[in-house]
């Protein structure tokens, strides 16, 4: 009887931990997708050439930065591109 209660409590603890991990993973994936979309929209709309800067290139490094950092990573890439560092 006590072994069953301990097993149920352990299962509930594991379930709560997995729930919190999945919520964070979903938020990270959505943020990464939005960062890549933001960078793609900026390139598609030719915003940098309109401002007098060369067009931003989307390469492997830009994709990796946006996949890891999401929207702040895309904004950082754009700021670095404005200063000519990327």
N, C-alpha and C. Protein backbone atom coordinates (compact mmCIF):
# COMPACT_ATOMS: atom_id res chain seq x y z
N UNK A 1 0.82 -1.19 0.00
CA UNK A 1 0.00 0.00 0.00
C UNK A 1 0.86 1.26 0.00
N UNK A 2 1.87 1.31 0.85
CA UNK A 2 2.75 2.48 0.91
C UNK A 2 3.60 2.58 -0.36
N UNK A 3 4.02 1.42 -0.89
CA UNK A 3 4.79 1.42 -2.13
C UNK A 3 4.00 2.00 -3.29
N UNK A 4 2.71 1.71 -3.34
CA UNK A 4 1.84 2.25 -4.39
C UNK A 4 1.71 3.76 -4.26
N UNK A 5 1.54 4.25 -3.06
CA UNK A 5 1.43 5.70 -2.84
C UNK A 5 2.72 6.42 -3.22
N UNK A 6 3.85 5.84 -2.88
CA UNK A 6 5.14 6.44 -3.24
C UNK A 6 5.30 6.47 -4.75
N UNK A 7 4.90 5.39 -5.42
CA UNK A 7 4.99 5.34 -6.88
C UNK A 7 4.08 6.38 -7.53
N UNK A 8 2.89 6.56 -7.01
CA UNK A 8 1.98 7.58 -7.55
C UNK A 8 2.56 8.98 -7.35
N UNK A 9 3.11 9.24 -6.18
CA UNK A 9 3.71 10.55 -5.91
C UNK A 9 4.90 10.79 -6.84
N UNK A 10 5.75 9.79 -7.04
CA UNK A 10 6.89 9.94 -7.95
C UNK A 10 6.43 10.19 -9.38
N UNK A 11 5.39 9.49 -9.81
CA UNK A 11 4.86 9.71 -11.16
C UNK A 11 4.32 11.12 -11.33
N UNK A 12 3.66 11.64 -10.31
CA UNK A 12 3.15 13.01 -10.37
C UNK A 12 4.28 14.02 -10.42
N UNK A 13 5.34 13.79 -9.69
CA UNK A 13 6.50 14.69 -9.71
C UNK A 13 7.14 14.68 -11.10
N UNK A 14 7.31 13.51 -11.68
CA UNK A 14 7.88 13.40 -13.03
C UNK A 14 6.98 14.09 -14.04
N UNK A 15 5.68 13.92 -13.90
CA UNK A 15 4.73 14.56 -14.81
C UNK A 15 4.80 16.08 -14.73
N UNK A 16 4.92 16.63 -13.54
CA UNK A 16 5.02 18.09 -13.37
C UNK A 16 6.32 18.61 -13.98
N UNK A 17 7.41 17.90 -13.75
CA UNK A 17 8.70 18.32 -14.31
C UNK A 17 8.66 18.28 -15.84
N UNK A 18 8.12 17.22 -16.42
CA UNK A 18 8.01 17.13 -17.88
C UNK A 18 7.09 18.21 -18.44
N UNK A 19 6.03 18.54 -17.74
CA UNK A 19 5.12 19.60 -18.18
C UNK A 19 5.84 20.94 -18.28
N UNK A 20 6.63 21.27 -17.28
CA UNK A 20 7.36 22.54 -17.29
C UNK A 20 8.43 22.55 -18.39
N UNK A 21 9.09 21.44 -18.60
CA UNK A 21 10.09 21.37 -19.67
C UNK A 21 9.46 21.54 -21.04
N UNK A 22 8.33 20.90 -21.27
CA UNK A 22 7.66 21.02 -22.57
C UNK A 22 7.14 22.43 -22.82
N UNK A 23 6.67 23.10 -21.79
CA UNK A 23 6.23 24.48 -21.96
C UNK A 23 7.39 25.37 -22.38
N UNK A 24 8.55 25.19 -21.76
CA UNK A 24 9.71 26.00 -22.12
C UNK A 24 10.20 25.68 -23.52
N UNK A 25 10.18 24.41 -23.90
CA UNK A 25 10.64 24.02 -25.23
C UNK A 25 9.73 24.62 -26.30
N UNK A 26 8.43 24.60 -26.07
CA UNK A 26 7.49 25.17 -27.03
C UNK A 26 7.74 26.67 -27.19
N UNK A 27 7.98 27.37 -26.10
CA UNK A 27 8.27 28.81 -26.17
C UNK A 27 9.56 29.07 -26.94
N UNK A 28 10.59 28.25 -26.73
CA UNK A 28 11.86 28.42 -27.44
C UNK A 28 11.70 28.16 -28.93
N UNK A 29 10.93 27.15 -29.28
CA UNK A 29 10.72 26.83 -30.70
C UNK A 29 9.95 27.96 -31.38
N UNK A 30 8.91 28.46 -30.74
CA UNK A 30 8.14 29.56 -31.32
C UNK A 30 9.01 30.80 -31.47
N UNK A 31 9.84 31.11 -30.48
CA UNK A 31 10.73 32.26 -30.55
C UNK A 31 11.74 32.09 -31.68
N UNK A 32 12.26 30.89 -31.86
CA UNK A 32 13.21 30.64 -32.94
C UNK A 32 12.57 30.81 -34.31
N UNK A 33 11.37 30.28 -34.46
CA UNK A 33 10.66 30.40 -35.74
C UNK A 33 10.35 31.86 -36.05
N UNK A 34 9.92 32.61 -35.04
CA UNK A 34 9.62 34.03 -35.25
C UNK A 34 10.88 34.82 -35.59
N UNK A 35 12.01 34.47 -34.99
CA UNK A 35 13.27 35.14 -35.33
C UNK A 35 13.67 34.90 -36.77
N UNK A 36 13.53 33.65 -37.23
CA UNK A 36 13.85 33.34 -38.63
C UNK A 36 12.87 34.03 -39.58
N UNK A 37 11.60 34.07 -39.21
CA UNK A 37 10.62 34.78 -40.04
C UNK A 37 10.93 36.27 -40.12
N UNK A 38 11.31 36.87 -39.00
CA UNK A 38 11.65 38.29 -38.99
C UNK A 38 12.82 38.58 -39.92
N UNK A 39 13.84 37.75 -39.86
CA UNK A 39 15.00 37.94 -40.73
C UNK A 39 14.61 37.74 -42.19
N UNK A 40 13.76 36.75 -42.47
CA UNK A 40 13.30 36.52 -43.84
C UNK A 40 12.44 37.65 -44.37
N UNK A 41 11.58 38.20 -43.53
CA UNK A 41 10.73 39.31 -43.95
C UNK A 41 11.56 40.55 -44.24
N UNK A 42 12.57 40.80 -43.41
CA UNK A 42 13.45 41.97 -43.65
C UNK A 42 14.18 41.81 -44.98
N UNK A 43 14.62 40.60 -45.29
CA UNK A 43 15.31 40.37 -46.56
C UNK A 43 14.32 40.44 -47.72
N UNK A 44 13.12 39.87 -47.56
CA UNK A 44 12.12 39.85 -48.62
C UNK A 44 11.65 41.26 -48.98
N UNK A 45 11.48 42.11 -47.97
CA UNK A 45 11.00 43.47 -48.21
C UNK A 45 12.10 44.44 -48.60
N UNK A 46 13.35 43.96 -48.66
CA UNK A 46 14.51 44.79 -49.05
C UNK A 46 14.60 46.06 -48.21
N UNK A 47 14.52 45.91 -46.91
CA UNK A 47 14.54 47.07 -46.02
C UNK A 47 15.92 47.72 -45.99
N UNK A 48 16.97 46.91 -45.94
CA UNK A 48 18.32 47.49 -45.87
C UNK A 48 18.70 48.26 -47.13
N UNK A 49 18.42 47.75 -48.35
CA UNK A 49 18.73 48.56 -49.53
C UNK A 49 17.94 49.87 -49.58
N UNK A 50 16.72 49.87 -49.03
CA UNK A 50 15.96 51.11 -48.99
C UNK A 50 16.61 52.15 -48.08
N UNK A 51 17.31 51.67 -47.06
CA UNK A 51 18.00 52.58 -46.13
C UNK A 51 19.41 52.93 -46.58
N UNK A 52 19.84 52.37 -47.71
CA UNK A 52 21.17 52.69 -48.23
C UNK A 52 22.25 51.72 -47.79
N UNK A 53 21.90 50.61 -47.21
CA UNK A 53 22.86 49.59 -46.78
C UNK A 53 22.78 48.40 -47.72
N UNK A 54 23.85 47.62 -47.80
CA UNK A 54 23.75 46.40 -48.60
C UNK A 54 22.74 45.43 -47.99
N UNK A 55 22.20 44.56 -48.86
CA UNK A 55 21.18 43.61 -48.39
C UNK A 55 21.80 42.61 -47.42
N UNK A 56 21.04 42.23 -46.43
CA UNK A 56 21.52 41.30 -45.43
C UNK A 56 21.52 39.89 -46.01
N UNK A 57 22.59 39.17 -45.76
CA UNK A 57 22.71 37.80 -46.25
C UNK A 57 22.27 36.83 -45.16
N UNK A 58 21.49 35.85 -45.55
CA UNK A 58 21.05 34.82 -44.60
C UNK A 58 21.85 33.56 -44.90
N UNK A 59 22.84 33.33 -44.07
CA UNK A 59 23.70 32.15 -44.21
C UNK A 59 23.51 31.22 -43.02
N UNK A 60 24.41 30.25 -42.93
CA UNK A 60 24.32 29.28 -41.85
C UNK A 60 24.47 29.92 -40.48
N UNK A 61 25.36 30.88 -40.37
CA UNK A 61 25.58 31.52 -39.08
C UNK A 61 24.34 32.29 -38.64
N UNK A 62 23.71 32.99 -39.58
CA UNK A 62 22.50 33.74 -39.25
C UNK A 62 21.37 32.79 -38.83
N UNK A 63 21.25 31.66 -39.50
CA UNK A 63 20.21 30.69 -39.15
C UNK A 63 20.47 30.11 -37.77
N UNK A 64 21.72 29.80 -37.47
CA UNK A 64 22.06 29.24 -36.16
C UNK A 64 21.81 30.25 -35.06
N UNK A 65 22.19 31.51 -35.30
CA UNK A 65 21.96 32.56 -34.28
C UNK A 65 20.46 32.74 -34.04
N UNK A 66 19.67 32.76 -35.12
CA UNK A 66 18.22 32.92 -34.95
C UNK A 66 17.60 31.68 -34.31
N UNK A 67 18.12 30.51 -34.61
CA UNK A 67 17.58 29.30 -34.01
C UNK A 67 17.86 29.25 -32.51
N UNK A 68 19.00 29.76 -32.10
CA UNK A 68 19.35 29.73 -30.68
C UNK A 68 18.74 30.90 -29.93
N UNK A 69 18.85 32.10 -30.50
CA UNK A 69 18.44 33.30 -29.77
C UNK A 69 17.07 33.84 -30.17
N UNK A 70 16.52 33.40 -31.29
CA UNK A 70 15.18 33.82 -31.70
C UNK A 70 15.13 35.27 -32.15
N UNK A 71 14.10 35.97 -31.72
CA UNK A 71 13.89 37.36 -32.14
C UNK A 71 15.03 38.28 -31.68
N UNK A 72 15.52 38.19 -30.44
CA UNK A 72 16.67 39.03 -30.08
C UNK A 72 17.90 38.73 -30.94
N UNK A 73 18.09 37.50 -31.34
CA UNK A 73 19.22 37.15 -32.21
C UNK A 73 19.08 37.79 -33.58
N UNK A 74 17.85 37.80 -34.13
CA UNK A 74 17.62 38.42 -35.43
C UNK A 74 17.86 39.93 -35.35
N UNK A 75 17.40 40.55 -34.28
CA UNK A 75 17.62 41.99 -34.11
C UNK A 75 19.11 42.28 -33.96
N UNK A 76 19.82 41.44 -33.21
CA UNK A 76 21.26 41.61 -33.06
C UNK A 76 21.97 41.49 -34.40
N UNK A 77 21.57 40.52 -35.22
CA UNK A 77 22.17 40.38 -36.55
C UNK A 77 21.93 41.62 -37.40
N UNK A 78 20.74 42.19 -37.31
CA UNK A 78 20.44 43.39 -38.09
C UNK A 78 21.26 44.58 -37.61
N UNK A 79 21.41 44.73 -36.31
CA UNK A 79 22.22 45.83 -35.78
C UNK A 79 23.68 45.66 -36.18
N UNK A 80 24.19 44.43 -36.07
CA UNK A 80 25.57 44.19 -36.49
C UNK A 80 25.75 44.42 -37.98
N UNK A 81 24.73 44.10 -38.77
CA UNK A 81 24.81 44.36 -40.22
C UNK A 81 24.84 45.85 -40.51
N UNK A 82 24.10 46.64 -39.73
CA UNK A 82 24.11 48.09 -39.92
C UNK A 82 25.50 48.68 -39.68
N UNK A 83 26.24 48.11 -38.72
CA UNK A 83 27.58 48.59 -38.41
C UNK A 83 28.65 47.93 -39.27
N UNK A 84 28.25 47.02 -40.16
CA UNK A 84 29.19 46.37 -41.05
C UNK A 84 30.01 45.26 -40.41
N UNK A 85 29.52 44.70 -39.33
CA UNK A 85 30.28 43.66 -38.64
C UNK A 85 29.86 42.26 -39.06
N UNK A 86 28.77 42.12 -39.79
CA UNK A 86 28.34 40.80 -40.25
C UNK A 86 28.33 40.78 -41.74
